[in-house]
Amino acid sequence: MTSDEIKRLKKIIEKEVKNSSNVFITGHVTPDFDSIGACIGISYLMKQFNKKSYIIVDDDDAKIQAGVKRIIDESHDSFTFIRKEEMANLWNEKSLLIVTDTNKKYMVSIEEELDQFQRIIIIDHHEEDEKSIQTKYKLINSSYSSASEIVTELLLAFKIKNNKDVVSYLLAGVTLDTLQYEQNTTSKTHKVAQQLIDRGANIDYVNELKAEEFECYCRVSDLITRGTVWKKYGKYLINPIQVSFTLKRDDPKRIYRKEDLAKASNQMKKFTGIDAAFVLGFIDEDKIHISGRGGKKVDIRKIMQEMGGGGTSQSGAAIIESDDILAVEKELMSKVPTGIAGEGSTISNSPKVLTKANPIFKEKRV
C-alpha cells in the first residue's frame, strides 16, 4: 500500500518534471552508497518521463570510496554524471533540481547555484533545521532508513519496469546506510529490501560493495586505537552514560574521507559499554567533520544540532570550519548533555584514554 506521503511526492514529480526542460540531481558531497543509489534511482525515473537528467558529482575521485566509484564507473553508459562547472552550459530557467539524501545547503556541491533554480524537490530522511534548503516541494521523513528506501517506494508507486542494476544500487543504499539493518531499521525497511530482491537486486553484488578496503580498514583501526578517549556523563556513579571521542591525536591535522570517520564511529558504537561515539577529523585544511552514533540513551540529533549539524536520534554529523580540532572536541564534550534526557552534568572531568601500546583503558589527563 502506497503511503500518502509517497502519493503526494508522486504528484509533485509528475507535475514538475512535465513542466521542466531538464532535471539536475544531486546528493551530498562525497557521496556514499545511499546518496549515489538514490540519485541513480531518480535518474532512472526521469528516463520514464523521457526527460534528460544529470547527476552532479563534483568530488575528486580520491575522496570517493572504492565501492561508490565502482557504481559510478559502471553506470556511465546508462546515466549522465557531470561536474559542477558543466551545469552552466546545461541549465536554463525551466531546469528542475532534485536533491536527495540531504536537505542542507552546505552539504551540496552546488550551494552557490541553488538560487538559480525556481523549483527544487527534496527527497531525504534527515531532520530539517535552519540550514535546510527552502522549498515547498519535499518529502523529508526521518522514520525512513535511507533516501534509497524512499526512492524505492517512489519507483514502486510509479510501477516502473525493473532494472536489475538500479535495484541493486538501491539495495546497496538501504543495506549499507543501515549498517546491514543494525540501525534506523523498521519493518518497512525490511519489506523494501525484500521487494528489491524480488525485483532482481543482486545480493552478491551488494556484498562485494560492502567488502572493506584493506587500506581503509587500517586507517580506521589506527584512528581508533591511537586516538580514542571517553567520558562518563550523568548525575550518579551507578550506570553512567559512557561516550567515546576519537581523533588522530598524534597527527591531528591528518585529512580523512568522511566515510572513514563514519566507519570509525560505527565501529566504536559496537563496543560493549559505549552509549555514544563521536569521531572527529579534518576533511579539508580548515573543515572538521564530526560523525556521531548513539542509541536509546543518547540522542545524536540534538547534540549535532548544537554543533551546527543534524541527523537522527541514532546517527548524525556536523561540519565545523576551524583549524583547532581539540577546541572543537572540547566544545562537543560540553554539548553531549543536551542529548541525554534529564542530564546536565558529567561525573568524570578526566577522559579515559585508549592507546595502541596499551589497549586497556586507563585514567589519564589530556
Protein backbone atom coordinates (compact mmCIF):
# COMPACT_ATOMS: atom_id res chain seq x y z
CA MET A 1 0.00 0.00 0.00
CA THR A 2 1.42 3.38 -1.05
CA SER A 3 1.67 5.93 1.76
CA ASP A 4 0.04 9.34 1.50
CA GLU A 5 3.49 10.97 1.55
CA ILE A 6 4.65 8.95 -1.45
CA LYS A 7 1.39 9.71 -3.28
CA ARG A 8 1.93 13.44 -2.74
CA LEU A 9 5.54 13.21 -3.88
CA LYS A 10 4.45 11.26 -6.97
CA LYS A 11 2.02 14.04 -7.93
CA ILE A 12 4.67 16.71 -7.37
CA ILE A 13 7.18 14.90 -9.56
CA GLU A 14 4.63 14.24 -12.32
CA LYS A 15 3.75 17.94 -12.46
CA GLU A 16 7.20 19.47 -12.05
CA VAL A 17 9.04 17.09 -14.36
CA LYS A 18 6.42 17.63 -17.05
CA ASN A 19 6.94 21.41 -16.81
CA SER A 20 10.72 21.24 -16.79
CA SER A 21 13.21 21.34 -19.67
CA ASN A 22 15.71 19.04 -17.95
CA VAL A 23 16.50 17.75 -14.47
CA PHE A 24 19.59 18.03 -12.29
CA ILE A 25 20.02 15.53 -9.46
CA THR A 26 22.43 15.85 -6.57
CA GLY A 27 23.14 14.10 -3.31
CA HIS A 28 25.52 15.28 -0.61
CA VAL A 29 29.20 15.97 -1.18
CA THR A 30 31.42 12.88 -1.07
CA PRO A 31 28.54 10.55 -1.94
CA ASP A 32 28.02 7.30 -0.07
CA PHE A 33 26.07 4.25 -1.26
CA ASP A 34 22.72 5.70 -0.19
CA SER A 35 23.32 9.03 -1.90
CA ILE A 36 24.52 7.58 -5.20
CA GLY A 37 21.88 4.81 -5.20
CA ALA A 38 19.07 7.32 -4.66
CA CYS A 39 20.46 9.65 -7.36
CA ILE A 40 20.61 6.83 -9.91
CA GLY A 41 17.11 5.67 -8.93
CA ILE A 42 15.73 9.17 -9.54
CA SER A 43 17.61 9.47 -12.83
CA TYR A 44 16.12 6.14 -13.90
CA LEU A 45 12.67 7.52 -13.08
CA MET A 46 13.38 10.54 -15.28
CA LYS A 47 14.01 8.20 -18.21
CA GLN A 48 10.40 7.04 -17.90
CA PHE A 49 9.35 10.66 -18.48
CA ASN A 50 11.74 10.89 -21.47
CA LYS A 51 13.37 13.75 -19.61
CA LYS A 52 17.11 14.35 -19.78
CA SER A 53 18.71 14.25 -16.33
CA TYR A 54 22.19 14.94 -14.99
CA ILE A 55 23.68 13.57 -11.76
CA ILE A 56 26.09 16.07 -10.21
CA VAL A 57 29.17 14.54 -8.56
CA ASP A 58 31.87 17.17 -8.05
CA ASP A 59 34.27 15.35 -5.72
CA ASP A 60 37.78 14.30 -6.57
CA ASP A 61 37.98 10.59 -7.32
CA ALA A 62 40.43 10.11 -4.46
CA LYS A 63 37.80 11.27 -1.97
CA ILE A 64 35.16 8.81 -3.18
CA GLN A 65 35.22 5.36 -1.61
CA ALA A 66 36.02 2.49 -3.97
CA GLY A 67 32.56 0.88 -3.96
CA VAL A 68 30.79 4.12 -4.77
CA LYS A 69 33.33 4.89 -7.50
CA ARG A 70 32.66 1.42 -8.93
CA ILE A 71 28.93 2.15 -9.18
CA ILE A 72 29.58 5.48 -10.90
CA ASP A 73 32.00 3.91 -13.38
CA GLU A 74 29.62 1.05 -14.15
CA SER A 75 26.71 3.47 -14.68
CA HIS A 76 28.38 5.93 -17.02
CA ASP A 77 26.92 4.34 -20.16
CA SER A 78 23.35 4.47 -18.80
CA PHE A 79 23.34 7.69 -16.76
CA THR A 80 24.94 11.10 -17.22
CA PHE A 81 27.29 12.29 -14.47
CA ILE A 82 28.59 15.85 -14.59
CA ARG A 83 30.86 18.18 -12.65
CA LYS A 84 29.51 21.40 -11.19
CA GLU A 85 31.15 23.58 -13.83
CA GLU A 86 29.36 21.66 -16.60
CA MET A 87 25.99 22.69 -15.23
CA ALA A 88 26.30 26.27 -16.52
CA ASN A 89 26.01 25.17 -20.16
CA LEU A 90 23.07 22.86 -19.47
CA TRP A 91 20.94 24.90 -17.05
CA ASN A 92 18.06 27.15 -18.11
CA GLU A 93 15.16 28.82 -16.31
CA LYS A 94 12.95 25.75 -16.69
CA SER A 95 15.51 23.35 -15.19
CA LEU A 96 14.38 21.34 -12.18
CA LEU A 97 16.67 20.36 -9.30
CA ILE A 98 16.11 17.23 -7.19
CA VAL A 99 18.18 16.93 -4.01
CA THR A 100 18.38 13.61 -2.20
CA ASP A 101 19.98 12.16 0.94
CA THR A 102 20.48 15.65 2.34
CA ASN A 103 18.47 18.81 2.80
CA LYS A 104 21.29 21.11 3.94
CA LYS A 105 22.66 23.87 1.74
CA TYR A 106 26.24 23.34 2.89
CA MET A 107 26.07 19.62 2.09
CA VAL A 108 25.66 20.01 -1.67
CA SER A 109 28.42 20.95 -4.08
CA ILE A 110 26.16 23.50 -5.84
CA GLU A 111 25.34 25.54 -2.73
CA GLU A 112 26.15 28.81 -4.54
CA GLU A 113 23.98 27.84 -7.52
CA LEU A 114 20.83 26.88 -5.59
CA ASP A 115 19.19 30.26 -6.11
CA GLN A 116 19.26 29.72 -9.88
CA PHE A 117 16.55 27.09 -9.59
CA GLN A 118 12.95 28.24 -9.40
CA ARG A 119 11.83 24.75 -8.39
CA ILE A 120 13.62 22.31 -6.10
CA ILE A 121 12.38 18.93 -4.87
CA ILE A 122 13.98 17.36 -1.79
CA ILE A 123 13.82 13.62 -1.03
CA ASP A 124 15.53 12.90 2.28
CA HIS A 125 15.49 11.10 5.63
CA HIS A 126 17.41 13.64 7.74
CA GLU A 127 15.82 16.22 10.02
CA GLU A 128 15.43 19.81 8.79
CA ASP A 129 16.93 22.82 10.54
CA GLU A 130 17.67 26.48 9.87
CA LYS A 131 20.36 25.50 7.33
CA SER A 132 17.99 23.42 5.21
CA ILE A 133 17.22 24.29 1.59
CA GLN A 134 13.92 26.15 1.43
CA THR A 135 11.30 24.67 -0.89
CA LYS A 136 7.66 23.68 -0.71
CA TYR A 137 8.29 20.53 -2.75
CA LYS A 138 9.72 17.90 -0.45
CA LEU A 139 9.43 14.56 1.28
CA ILE A 140 11.62 14.71 4.38
CA ASN A 141 10.89 11.98 6.92
CA SER A 142 13.44 10.64 9.40
CA SER A 143 11.38 7.50 10.01
CA TYR A 144 12.79 6.17 6.73
CA SER A 145 16.07 4.30 6.99
CA SER A 146 17.58 5.92 3.94
CA ALA A 147 16.93 8.01 0.85
CA SER A 148 17.15 4.79 -1.16
CA GLU A 149 14.18 3.40 0.76
CA ILE A 150 12.09 6.46 -0.17
CA VAL A 151 13.17 6.31 -3.83
CA THR A 152 12.35 2.59 -3.95
CA GLU A 153 8.81 3.26 -2.72
CA LEU A 154 8.53 6.06 -5.28
CA LEU A 155 9.58 3.78 -8.15
CA LEU A 156 7.09 1.17 -6.97
CA ALA A 157 4.35 3.81 -6.88
CA PHE A 158 5.14 4.71 -10.49
CA LYS A 159 5.15 0.99 -11.38
CA ILE A 160 8.42 1.40 -13.20
CA LYS A 161 9.84 -1.53 -15.17
CA ASN A 162 12.59 -3.30 -13.22
CA ASN A 163 16.24 -2.64 -13.95
CA LYS A 164 18.50 -5.13 -12.16
CA ASP A 165 21.39 -2.69 -11.88
CA VAL A 166 19.24 0.10 -10.44
CA VAL A 167 17.54 -2.12 -7.86
CA SER A 168 20.97 -3.47 -6.86
CA TYR A 169 22.26 0.07 -6.30
CA LEU A 170 19.17 0.90 -4.24
CA LEU A 171 19.58 -2.27 -2.18
CA ALA A 172 23.19 -1.28 -1.53
CA GLY A 173 21.98 2.13 -0.36
CA VAL A 174 19.45 0.64 2.04
CA THR A 175 21.73 -2.14 3.30
CA LEU A 176 24.85 -0.08 3.88
CA ASP A 177 23.15 3.05 5.23
CA THR A 178 21.56 0.92 7.96
CA LEU A 179 24.82 -0.93 8.72
CA GLN A 180 23.21 -4.10 7.37
CA TYR A 181 19.94 -3.37 9.18
CA GLU A 182 21.52 -2.71 12.58
CA GLN A 183 20.35 0.93 12.87
CA ASN A 184 17.45 3.13 11.72
CA THR A 185 15.64 -0.03 10.61
CA THR A 186 11.90 -0.74 10.73
CA SER A 187 9.68 -3.49 9.37
CA LYS A 188 9.11 -1.20 6.40
CA THR A 189 12.85 -1.21 5.71
CA HIS A 190 12.95 -5.00 5.58
CA LYS A 191 9.90 -5.02 3.33
CA VAL A 192 11.51 -2.59 0.88
CA ALA A 193 14.72 -4.65 0.85
CA GLN A 194 12.74 -7.80 0.07
CA GLN A 195 10.86 -6.01 -2.71
CA LEU A 196 14.18 -5.00 -4.27
CA ILE A 197 15.44 -8.59 -4.06
CA ASP A 198 12.20 -9.87 -5.57
CA ARG A 199 12.77 -7.49 -8.47
CA GLY A 200 16.23 -8.79 -9.21
CA ALA A 201 18.63 -6.96 -6.88
CA ASN A 202 21.92 -8.87 -6.74
CA ILE A 203 22.79 -9.67 -3.10
CA ASP A 204 26.24 -10.96 -4.05
CA TYR A 205 26.98 -7.65 -5.77
CA VAL A 206 25.95 -5.73 -2.65
CA ASN A 207 28.19 -7.95 -0.53
CA GLU A 208 31.10 -7.20 -2.86
CA LEU A 209 30.49 -3.47 -2.50
CA LYS A 210 30.46 -3.60 1.28
CA ALA A 211 33.73 -5.52 1.43
CA GLU A 212 36.02 -3.11 3.20
CA GLU A 213 39.20 -1.93 1.53
CA PHE A 214 42.24 -3.10 3.44
CA GLU A 215 43.77 0.39 3.44
CA CYS A 216 40.54 1.83 4.79
CA TYR A 217 40.45 -0.82 7.50
CA CYS A 218 43.99 0.10 8.54
CA ARG A 219 43.20 3.83 8.63
CA VAL A 220 40.11 3.32 10.74
CA SER A 221 41.80 0.86 13.12
CA ASP A 222 44.76 3.18 13.60
CA LEU A 223 42.46 6.13 14.26
CA ILE A 224 40.51 4.21 16.90
CA THR A 225 43.43 2.61 18.74
CA ARG A 226 45.61 5.72 18.82
CA GLY A 227 43.04 8.39 19.37
CA THR A 228 40.08 7.33 21.50
CA VAL A 229 39.11 8.77 24.86
CA TRP A 230 35.85 8.53 26.72
CA LYS A 231 33.93 10.47 29.33
CA LYS A 232 31.21 9.41 31.70
CA TYR A 233 28.08 11.55 31.85
CA GLY A 234 25.29 11.53 34.36
CA LYS A 235 24.27 12.56 37.84
CA TYR A 236 25.07 9.29 39.53
CA LEU A 237 28.05 6.93 39.71
CA ILE A 238 25.82 3.90 39.06
CA ASN A 239 25.19 3.18 35.35
CA PRO A 240 26.67 6.39 33.93
CA ILE A 241 26.42 7.24 30.24
CA GLN A 242 29.72 6.41 28.54
CA VAL A 243 30.64 8.42 25.46
CA SER A 244 33.76 7.96 23.33
CA PHE A 245 35.61 10.67 21.40
CA THR A 246 38.08 9.76 18.68
CA LEU A 247 40.52 11.86 16.67
CA LYS A 248 44.05 11.45 15.36
CA ARG A 249 45.79 12.75 18.49
CA ASP A 250 49.36 12.09 17.31
CA ASP A 251 48.66 13.80 13.96
CA PRO A 252 45.54 15.98 14.44
CA LYS A 253 45.88 17.72 11.05
CA ARG A 254 45.55 14.44 9.12
CA ILE A 255 42.85 14.71 6.44
CA TYR A 256 40.31 11.88 6.20
CA ARG A 257 37.42 10.91 3.99
CA LYS A 258 34.06 11.36 5.70
CA GLU A 259 33.35 7.70 5.08
CA ASP A 260 36.40 6.71 7.15
CA LEU A 261 35.17 8.83 10.05
CA ALA A 262 31.70 7.31 9.75
CA LYS A 263 33.14 3.79 9.75
CA ALA A 264 35.17 4.61 12.84
CA SER A 265 32.11 5.87 14.71
CA ASN A 266 30.14 2.79 13.62
CA GLN A 267 32.92 0.55 14.92
CA MET A 268 33.21 2.38 18.25
CA LYS A 269 29.46 2.13 18.87
CA LYS A 270 29.69 -1.66 18.61
CA PHE A 271 31.94 -1.92 21.67
CA THR A 272 30.25 -3.04 24.87
CA GLY A 273 29.60 -0.21 27.29
CA ILE A 274 29.74 2.63 24.76
CA ASP A 275 26.42 4.50 24.71
CA ALA A 276 27.52 7.02 22.08
CA ALA A 277 30.57 7.52 19.87
CA PHE A 278 31.92 10.63 18.17
CA VAL A 279 34.77 10.69 15.67
CA LEU A 280 36.36 13.94 14.54
CA GLY A 281 38.72 14.58 11.65
CA PHE A 282 39.73 17.14 9.08
CA ILE A 283 38.15 16.65 5.66
CA ASP A 284 39.88 19.77 4.33
CA GLU A 285 42.52 22.10 5.68
CA ASP A 286 40.01 24.17 7.66
CA LYS A 287 36.95 21.89 7.80
CA ILE A 288 36.38 19.43 10.61
CA HIS A 289 33.81 16.66 10.22
CA ILE A 290 32.11 15.09 13.24
CA SER A 291 30.44 11.69 12.86
CA GLY A 292 28.22 10.58 15.74
CA ARG A 293 26.48 7.35 16.64
CA GLY A 294 24.15 6.78 19.58
CA GLY A 295 21.28 4.66 20.79
CA LYS A 296 18.47 4.65 23.31
CA LYS A 297 20.33 6.66 25.93
CA VAL A 298 21.84 9.43 23.79
CA ASP A 299 20.06 11.49 21.12
CA ILE A 300 22.73 12.23 18.50
CA ARG A 301 20.49 14.60 16.54
CA LYS A 302 20.19 17.05 19.45
CA ILE A 303 23.93 17.08 20.03
CA MET A 304 24.76 17.52 16.35
CA GLN A 305 22.24 20.34 16.05
CA GLU A 306 24.07 22.09 18.88
CA MET A 307 27.22 21.76 16.77
CA GLY A 308 25.52 23.14 13.66
CA GLY A 309 24.73 19.79 12.03
CA GLY A 310 21.89 17.30 12.20
CA GLY A 311 20.83 13.70 11.73
CA THR A 312 18.63 11.19 13.51
CA SER A 313 18.48 10.08 17.12
CA GLN A 314 20.92 7.26 16.32
CA SER A 315 23.31 8.90 13.87
CA GLY A 316 24.32 12.35 12.74
CA ALA A 317 27.10 14.61 11.57
CA ALA A 318 28.32 18.18 11.55
CA ILE A 319 30.93 20.16 9.66
CA ILE A 320 32.82 22.86 11.56
CA GLU A 321 35.02 25.48 9.91
CA SER A 322 38.03 25.57 12.23
CA ASP A 323 41.72 24.72 12.33
CA ASP A 324 41.66 23.68 16.00
CA ILE A 325 40.25 20.18 16.30
CA LEU A 326 40.98 19.90 20.03
CA ALA A 327 38.93 23.03 20.70
CA VAL A 328 36.07 21.57 18.66
CA GLU A 329 36.30 18.33 20.63
CA LYS A 330 36.16 20.27 23.91
CA GLU A 331 33.05 22.10 22.75
CA LEU A 332 31.48 18.82 21.62
CA MET A 333 32.15 17.27 25.02
CA SER A 334 30.31 20.17 26.64
CA LYS A 335 27.28 19.70 24.34
CA VAL A 336 26.77 15.98 25.00
CA PRO A 337 24.42 16.51 28.00
CA THR A 338 21.89 18.17 25.68
CA GLY A 339 21.32 14.74 24.12
CA ILE A 340 20.89 12.90 27.40
CA ALA A 341 17.37 13.14 28.81
CA GLY A 342 17.32 14.72 32.24
CA GLU A 343 21.09 15.08 32.46
CA GLY A 344 23.05 18.26 32.74
CA SER A 345 26.42 17.38 34.23
CA THR A 346 29.32 14.97 33.92
CA ILE A 347 30.70 12.79 36.69
CA SER A 348 34.15 12.49 35.13
CA ASN A 349 36.20 15.51 34.09
CA SER A 350 39.21 13.41 33.13
CA PRO A 351 38.64 11.49 29.89
CA LYS A 352 39.91 7.94 29.82
CA VAL A 353 42.38 7.24 27.05
CA LEU A 354 42.96 4.23 24.77
CA THR A 355 46.42 3.92 23.26
CA LYS A 356 47.74 1.39 20.79
CA ALA A 357 50.61 0.43 23.07
CA ASN A 358 48.20 -0.44 25.86
CA PRO A 359 44.71 -1.33 24.68
CA ILE A 360 43.37 -1.28 28.23
CA PHE A 361 41.60 1.96 29.10
CA LYS A 362 43.35 3.87 31.88
CA GLU A 363 42.83 7.21 33.59
CA LYS A 364 44.95 9.86 32.02
CA ARG A 365 44.81 13.63 31.84
CA VAL A 366 44.52 15.04 28.33
